[in-house]
């Protein structure tokens, strides 16, 4: 089943932050930039709340769930 998804690229391994509660309520582009500043080694996936996502853990991925362009829940590594 297709989902709406945006992938924001990764880089080198620097910091080890694993969750971003401070971005809940923030616009998703600003939130994605904050996550990428903290962890340039991860990819940020943006999904709408309710989207189906593939199961499985990936330590180089952060899933961000948004509603009306705003982060709706804490993004975490996985």
Protein backbone atom coordinates (compact mmCIF):
# COMPACT_ATOMS: atom_id res chain seq x y z
CA UNK A 1 0.00 0.00 0.00
CA UNK A 2 1.57 3.35 -1.00
CA UNK A 3 2.20 5.92 1.70
CA UNK A 4 3.21 9.55 1.60
CA UNK A 5 6.86 9.63 2.61
CA UNK A 6 9.74 12.06 2.41
CA UNK A 7 13.34 11.02 3.02
CA UNK A 8 15.87 13.60 4.20
CA UNK A 9 19.42 12.31 3.67
CA UNK A 10 22.11 11.23 6.11
CA UNK A 11 25.78 11.98 6.69
CA UNK A 12 28.61 11.09 9.08
CA UNK A 13 28.27 9.62 12.60
CA UNK A 14 28.61 12.34 15.28
CA UNK A 15 26.16 12.64 18.16
CA UNK A 16 24.14 9.88 19.74
CA UNK A 17 20.79 11.53 20.47
CA UNK A 18 17.93 9.02 19.98
CA UNK A 19 14.70 11.02 20.46
CA UNK A 20 13.49 14.57 19.86
CA UNK A 21 10.53 15.44 22.14
CA UNK A 22 11.31 19.14 21.73
CA UNK A 23 10.14 19.11 18.09
CA UNK A 24 6.56 17.99 18.83
CA UNK A 25 4.29 20.82 17.66
CA UNK A 26 6.99 22.21 15.33
CA UNK A 27 6.65 22.42 11.54
CA UNK A 28 8.06 19.24 10.00
CA UNK A 29 10.78 20.93 7.91
CA UNK A 30 12.19 22.79 10.92
CA UNK A 31 11.97 19.59 12.96
CA UNK A 32 13.79 17.60 10.27
CA UNK A 33 16.55 20.22 10.18
CA UNK A 34 16.91 20.06 13.99
CA UNK A 35 17.20 16.26 13.86
CA UNK A 36 19.76 16.45 11.03
CA UNK A 37 21.84 18.98 12.98
CA UNK A 38 21.83 16.70 16.03
CA UNK A 39 22.36 13.47 14.08
CA UNK A 40 23.72 14.02 10.55
CA UNK A 41 24.26 10.26 10.28
CA UNK A 42 20.52 9.39 10.15
CA UNK A 43 17.82 9.61 7.50
CA UNK A 44 14.55 11.27 8.50
CA UNK A 45 11.36 9.71 7.16
CA UNK A 46 8.27 11.90 7.23
CA UNK A 47 4.90 10.13 7.41
CA UNK A 48 1.35 11.29 7.97
CA UNK A 49 -0.25 10.08 11.21
CA UNK A 50 -1.98 6.80 10.40
CA UNK A 51 0.34 5.82 7.52
CA UNK A 52 1.43 2.19 7.42
CA UNK A 53 5.19 1.80 7.74
CA UNK A 54 7.41 -1.21 7.23
CA UNK A 55 8.23 -2.97 10.50
CA UNK A 56 11.78 -3.33 11.72
CA UNK A 57 14.46 -1.38 13.54
CA UNK A 58 17.06 0.72 11.73
CA UNK A 59 19.57 2.67 13.83
CA UNK A 60 20.16 5.06 10.93
CA UNK A 61 16.48 6.07 10.59
CA UNK A 62 14.19 8.50 12.39
CA UNK A 63 10.48 8.30 11.65
CA UNK A 64 8.57 11.53 12.07
CA UNK A 65 4.76 11.46 12.10
CA UNK A 66 2.98 14.66 11.18
CA UNK A 67 -0.56 16.01 11.15
CA UNK A 68 -1.31 19.13 9.06
CA UNK A 69 2.42 19.74 8.56
CA UNK A 70 3.20 19.68 12.29
CA UNK A 71 5.09 16.98 14.22
CA UNK A 72 2.43 15.01 16.12
CA UNK A 73 4.57 12.60 18.17
CA UNK A 74 8.14 12.33 19.40
CA UNK A 75 10.49 11.27 16.59
CA UNK A 76 12.81 8.43 17.63
CA UNK A 77 15.62 6.38 16.14
CA UNK A 78 14.42 3.09 14.74
